[in-house]
């Protein structure tokens, strides 16, 4: 799996649309698409934002490690609606 595939996989795992992720990162949706097609690489600052958002490491995103990193918040086993509700709850308490 390469960086582009990892970025797409994590975005889908966290139930973000390209548009929704772009809004969170304050970039154009076309840039997210370019990241996921391997046409562009995130800047160091965006890479850090992505790692923080996905609770992982930049090394994992850059394929320097196969360990995703922080597993303190696992969404595994949750349905898309449960993930959406959890995200809305977290946004409410921020």
N, C-alpha and C. Protein backbone atom coordinates (compact mmCIF):
# COMPACT_ATOMS: atom_id res chain seq x y z
N UNK A 1 0.85 -1.17 0.00
CA UNK A 1 0.00 0.00 0.00
C UNK A 1 0.90 1.24 0.00
N UNK A 2 0.60 2.21 -0.87
CA UNK A 2 1.38 3.43 -0.92
C UNK A 2 0.67 4.57 -0.17
N UNK A 3 1.29 5.73 -0.14
CA UNK A 3 0.73 6.87 0.61
C UNK A 3 -0.66 7.24 0.10
N UNK A 4 -0.83 7.32 -1.20
CA UNK A 4 -2.12 7.68 -1.77
C UNK A 4 -3.21 6.70 -1.31
N UNK A 5 -2.90 5.41 -1.37
CA UNK A 5 -3.87 4.39 -0.95
C UNK A 5 -4.16 4.49 0.54
N UNK A 6 -3.13 4.76 1.34
CA UNK A 6 -3.35 4.89 2.78
C UNK A 6 -4.24 6.10 3.09
N UNK A 7 -4.01 7.19 2.39
CA UNK A 7 -4.82 8.38 2.63
C UNK A 7 -6.29 8.12 2.28
N UNK A 8 -6.52 7.45 1.17
CA UNK A 8 -7.90 7.14 0.78
C UNK A 8 -8.53 6.15 1.76
N UNK A 9 -7.77 5.13 2.11
CA UNK A 9 -8.27 4.11 3.04
C UNK A 9 -8.65 4.74 4.38
N UNK A 10 -7.80 5.59 4.92
CA UNK A 10 -8.09 6.23 6.21
C UNK A 10 -9.28 7.19 6.10
N UNK A 11 -9.36 7.93 5.00
CA UNK A 11 -10.50 8.84 4.82
C UNK A 11 -11.81 8.06 4.84
N UNK A 12 -11.83 6.95 4.12
CA UNK A 12 -13.04 6.13 4.07
C UNK A 12 -13.31 5.47 5.43
N UNK A 13 -12.26 5.02 6.10
CA UNK A 13 -12.41 4.40 7.42
C UNK A 13 -13.05 5.38 8.40
N UNK A 14 -12.65 6.63 8.31
CA UNK A 14 -13.19 7.66 9.21
C UNK A 14 -14.46 8.30 8.66
N UNK A 15 -14.95 7.76 7.56
CA UNK A 15 -16.23 8.16 6.99
C UNK A 15 -16.27 9.63 6.57
N UNK A 16 -15.18 10.13 6.01
CA UNK A 16 -15.14 11.49 5.47
C UNK A 16 -15.34 11.42 3.97
N UNK A 17 -16.06 12.37 3.43
CA UNK A 17 -16.07 12.55 1.99
C UNK A 17 -14.84 13.37 1.63
N UNK A 18 -14.48 13.39 0.36
CA UNK A 18 -13.35 14.24 -0.04
C UNK A 18 -13.66 15.70 0.26
N UNK A 19 -14.89 16.09 0.03
CA UNK A 19 -15.30 17.48 0.28
C UNK A 19 -15.24 17.80 1.77
N UNK A 20 -15.72 16.89 2.61
CA UNK A 20 -15.70 17.10 4.05
C UNK A 20 -14.28 17.19 4.59
N UNK A 21 -13.40 16.32 4.10
CA UNK A 21 -12.01 16.36 4.53
C UNK A 21 -11.35 17.65 4.07
N UNK A 22 -11.62 18.04 2.84
CA UNK A 22 -11.05 19.29 2.32
C UNK A 22 -11.46 20.48 3.18
N UNK A 23 -12.71 20.49 3.61
CA UNK A 23 -13.19 21.57 4.45
C UNK A 23 -12.44 21.59 5.78
N UNK A 24 -12.22 20.41 6.38
CA UNK A 24 -11.49 20.33 7.65
C UNK A 24 -10.04 20.80 7.51
N UNK A 25 -9.44 20.53 6.35
CA UNK A 25 -8.04 20.91 6.13
C UNK A 25 -7.89 22.28 5.48
N UNK A 26 -9.01 22.90 5.14
CA UNK A 26 -9.03 24.21 4.50
C UNK A 26 -8.27 24.18 3.17
N UNK A 27 -8.61 23.17 2.36
CA UNK A 27 -8.04 23.04 1.01
C UNK A 27 -9.18 22.73 0.05
N UNK A 28 -8.88 22.74 -1.23
CA UNK A 28 -9.88 22.40 -2.25
C UNK A 28 -10.08 20.88 -2.30
N UNK A 29 -11.31 20.44 -2.55
CA UNK A 29 -11.55 18.99 -2.70
C UNK A 29 -10.69 18.36 -3.79
N UNK A 30 -10.37 19.12 -4.83
CA UNK A 30 -9.53 18.58 -5.91
C UNK A 30 -8.13 18.23 -5.40
N UNK A 31 -7.66 18.93 -4.35
CA UNK A 31 -6.35 18.60 -3.78
C UNK A 31 -6.41 17.25 -3.06
N UNK A 32 -7.50 16.99 -2.34
CA UNK A 32 -7.67 15.69 -1.68
C UNK A 32 -7.68 14.58 -2.73
N UNK A 33 -8.39 14.82 -3.81
CA UNK A 33 -8.43 13.85 -4.90
C UNK A 33 -7.03 13.62 -5.48
N UNK A 34 -6.27 14.67 -5.65
CA UNK A 34 -4.90 14.54 -6.18
C UNK A 34 -4.01 13.76 -5.21
N UNK A 35 -4.18 13.98 -3.91
CA UNK A 35 -3.43 13.18 -2.92
C UNK A 35 -3.74 11.70 -3.11
N UNK A 36 -5.03 11.39 -3.24
CA UNK A 36 -5.47 9.99 -3.29
C UNK A 36 -5.16 9.32 -4.63
N UNK A 37 -4.91 10.10 -5.66
CA UNK A 37 -4.51 9.53 -6.95
C UNK A 37 -2.99 9.46 -7.06
N UNK A 38 -2.28 9.98 -6.06
CA UNK A 38 -0.82 9.97 -6.08
C UNK A 38 -0.21 11.03 -6.96
N UNK A 39 -1.02 12.03 -7.36
CA UNK A 39 -0.52 13.10 -8.22
C UNK A 39 0.16 14.20 -7.42
N UNK A 40 -0.22 14.34 -6.16
CA UNK A 40 0.37 15.35 -5.27
C UNK A 40 0.64 14.70 -3.92
N UNK A 41 1.60 15.27 -3.21
CA UNK A 41 1.89 14.83 -1.83
C UNK A 41 1.50 15.97 -0.90
N UNK A 42 0.94 15.63 0.25
CA UNK A 42 0.61 16.68 1.22
C UNK A 42 1.89 17.39 1.67
N UNK A 43 1.75 18.69 1.93
CA UNK A 43 2.87 19.44 2.50
C UNK A 43 3.15 18.87 3.89
N UNK A 44 4.31 19.16 4.45
CA UNK A 44 4.59 18.67 5.81
C UNK A 44 3.50 19.10 6.81
N UNK A 45 3.03 20.33 6.71
CA UNK A 45 1.99 20.81 7.64
C UNK A 45 0.68 20.02 7.46
N UNK A 46 0.29 19.78 6.21
CA UNK A 46 -0.95 19.02 5.95
C UNK A 46 -0.78 17.56 6.35
N UNK A 47 0.41 17.02 6.18
CA UNK A 47 0.68 15.65 6.58
C UNK A 47 0.49 15.49 8.09
N UNK A 48 0.96 16.46 8.84
CA UNK A 48 0.79 16.44 10.30
C UNK A 48 -0.68 16.55 10.65
N UNK A 49 -1.40 17.43 9.98
CA UNK A 49 -2.84 17.56 10.23
C UNK A 49 -3.56 16.24 9.96
N UNK A 50 -3.21 15.59 8.86
CA UNK A 50 -3.83 14.31 8.51
C UNK A 50 -3.52 13.25 9.55
N UNK A 51 -2.26 13.18 9.97
CA UNK A 51 -1.87 12.20 10.98
C UNK A 51 -2.64 12.43 12.28
N UNK A 52 -2.76 13.69 12.68
CA UNK A 52 -3.52 14.00 13.90
C UNK A 52 -5.00 13.63 13.74
N UNK A 53 -5.56 13.97 12.60
CA UNK A 53 -6.98 13.69 12.35
C UNK A 53 -7.27 12.20 12.37
N UNK A 54 -6.35 11.41 11.82
CA UNK A 54 -6.54 9.97 11.72
C UNK A 54 -5.91 9.20 12.88
N UNK A 55 -5.40 9.91 13.87
CA UNK A 55 -4.81 9.27 15.05
C UNK A 55 -3.74 8.26 14.64
N UNK A 56 -2.84 8.72 13.78
CA UNK A 56 -1.76 7.87 13.31
C UNK A 56 -0.48 8.68 13.29
N UNK A 57 0.54 8.16 12.64
CA UNK A 57 1.81 8.86 12.56
C UNK A 57 2.09 9.27 11.12
N UNK A 58 2.94 10.28 10.97
CA UNK A 58 3.35 10.66 9.62
C UNK A 58 4.16 9.53 8.98
N UNK A 59 4.91 8.80 9.78
CA UNK A 59 5.65 7.65 9.24
C UNK A 59 4.71 6.62 8.61
N UNK A 60 3.58 6.38 9.24
CA UNK A 60 2.61 5.44 8.67
C UNK A 60 2.06 5.99 7.35
N UNK A 61 1.71 7.28 7.33
CA UNK A 61 1.17 7.87 6.10
C UNK A 61 2.20 7.84 4.97
N UNK A 62 3.47 7.99 5.31
CA UNK A 62 4.54 8.01 4.31
C UNK A 62 5.09 6.62 4.00
N UNK A 63 4.46 5.59 4.56
CA UNK A 63 4.86 4.19 4.34
C UNK A 63 6.25 3.88 4.87
N UNK A 64 6.67 4.61 5.89
CA UNK A 64 7.94 4.31 6.55
C UNK A 64 7.72 3.34 7.69
N UNK A 65 6.44 3.08 8.00
CA UNK A 65 6.07 2.15 9.05
C UNK A 65 4.77 1.47 8.65
N UNK A 66 4.61 0.24 9.05
CA UNK A 66 3.36 -0.47 8.80
C UNK A 66 2.44 -0.45 10.01
N UNK A 67 2.89 0.19 11.07
CA UNK A 67 2.09 0.33 12.28
C UNK A 67 1.33 1.64 12.22
N UNK A 68 0.00 1.59 12.27
CA UNK A 68 -0.78 2.82 12.17
C UNK A 68 -0.57 3.79 13.33
N UNK A 69 0.01 3.35 14.42
CA UNK A 69 0.28 4.28 15.52
C UNK A 69 -0.77 4.21 16.60
N UNK A 70 -1.24 5.36 17.00
CA UNK A 70 -2.18 5.51 18.12
C UNK A 70 -3.45 4.70 17.86
N UNK A 71 -3.71 3.73 18.72
CA UNK A 71 -4.91 2.92 18.59
C UNK A 71 -5.89 3.20 19.72
N UNK A 72 -5.72 4.35 20.37
CA UNK A 72 -6.57 4.65 21.52
C UNK A 72 -8.02 4.90 21.11
N UNK A 73 -8.25 5.29 19.87
CA UNK A 73 -9.60 5.53 19.40
C UNK A 73 -9.81 4.69 18.16
N UNK A 74 -10.37 3.52 18.34
CA UNK A 74 -10.61 2.62 17.22
C UNK A 74 -12.08 2.70 16.82
N UNK A 75 -12.30 2.88 15.55
CA UNK A 75 -13.66 2.92 15.03
C UNK A 75 -14.07 1.58 14.44
N UNK A 76 -13.17 0.63 14.56
CA UNK A 76 -13.41 -0.70 14.02
C UNK A 76 -14.68 -1.30 14.63
N UNK A 77 -15.51 -1.83 13.78
CA UNK A 77 -16.74 -2.47 14.25
C UNK A 77 -17.93 -1.53 14.35
N UNK A 78 -17.70 -0.22 14.18
CA UNK A 78 -18.81 0.74 14.24
C UNK A 78 -19.41 0.90 12.85
N UNK A 79 -20.70 1.11 12.81
CA UNK A 79 -21.37 1.34 11.53
C UNK A 79 -21.11 2.79 11.10
N UNK A 80 -21.32 3.11 9.82
CA UNK A 80 -21.13 4.49 9.38
C UNK A 80 -22.00 5.49 10.16
N UNK A 81 -23.21 5.12 10.51
CA UNK A 81 -24.07 6.04 11.27
C UNK A 81 -23.53 6.23 12.68
N UNK A 82 -22.99 5.17 13.28
CA UNK A 82 -22.40 5.30 14.62
C UNK A 82 -21.17 6.21 14.58
N UNK A 83 -20.37 6.08 13.54
CA UNK A 83 -19.19 6.94 13.39
C UNK A 83 -19.63 8.39 13.22
N UNK A 84 -20.65 8.61 12.39
CA UNK A 84 -21.16 9.97 12.18
C UNK A 84 -21.68 10.57 13.48
N UNK A 85 -22.45 9.80 14.24
CA UNK A 85 -22.98 10.29 15.51
C UNK A 85 -21.86 10.57 16.51
N UNK A 86 -20.87 9.71 16.55
CA UNK A 86 -19.74 9.92 17.45
C UNK A 86 -18.98 11.19 17.06
N UNK A 87 -18.76 11.39 15.76
CA UNK A 87 -18.08 12.59 15.29
C UNK A 87 -18.87 13.84 15.66
N UNK A 88 -20.19 13.81 15.48
CA UNK A 88 -21.03 14.95 15.84
C UNK A 88 -20.97 15.23 17.34
N UNK A 89 -20.95 14.16 18.14
CA UNK A 89 -20.85 14.33 19.59
C UNK A 89 -19.53 14.99 19.97
N UNK A 90 -18.44 14.50 19.39
CA UNK A 90 -17.12 15.05 19.69
C UNK A 90 -17.05 16.51 19.27
N UNK A 91 -17.59 16.83 18.09
CA UNK A 91 -17.59 18.23 17.64
C UNK A 91 -18.39 19.11 18.60
N UNK A 92 -19.44 18.58 19.16
CA UNK A 92 -20.29 19.33 20.10
C UNK A 92 -19.55 19.67 21.37
N UNK A 93 -18.73 18.74 21.86
CA UNK A 93 -18.07 18.98 23.15
C UNK A 93 -16.73 19.69 23.01
N UNK A 94 -16.28 19.94 21.80
CA UNK A 94 -15.00 20.66 21.62
C UNK A 94 -15.14 22.11 22.00
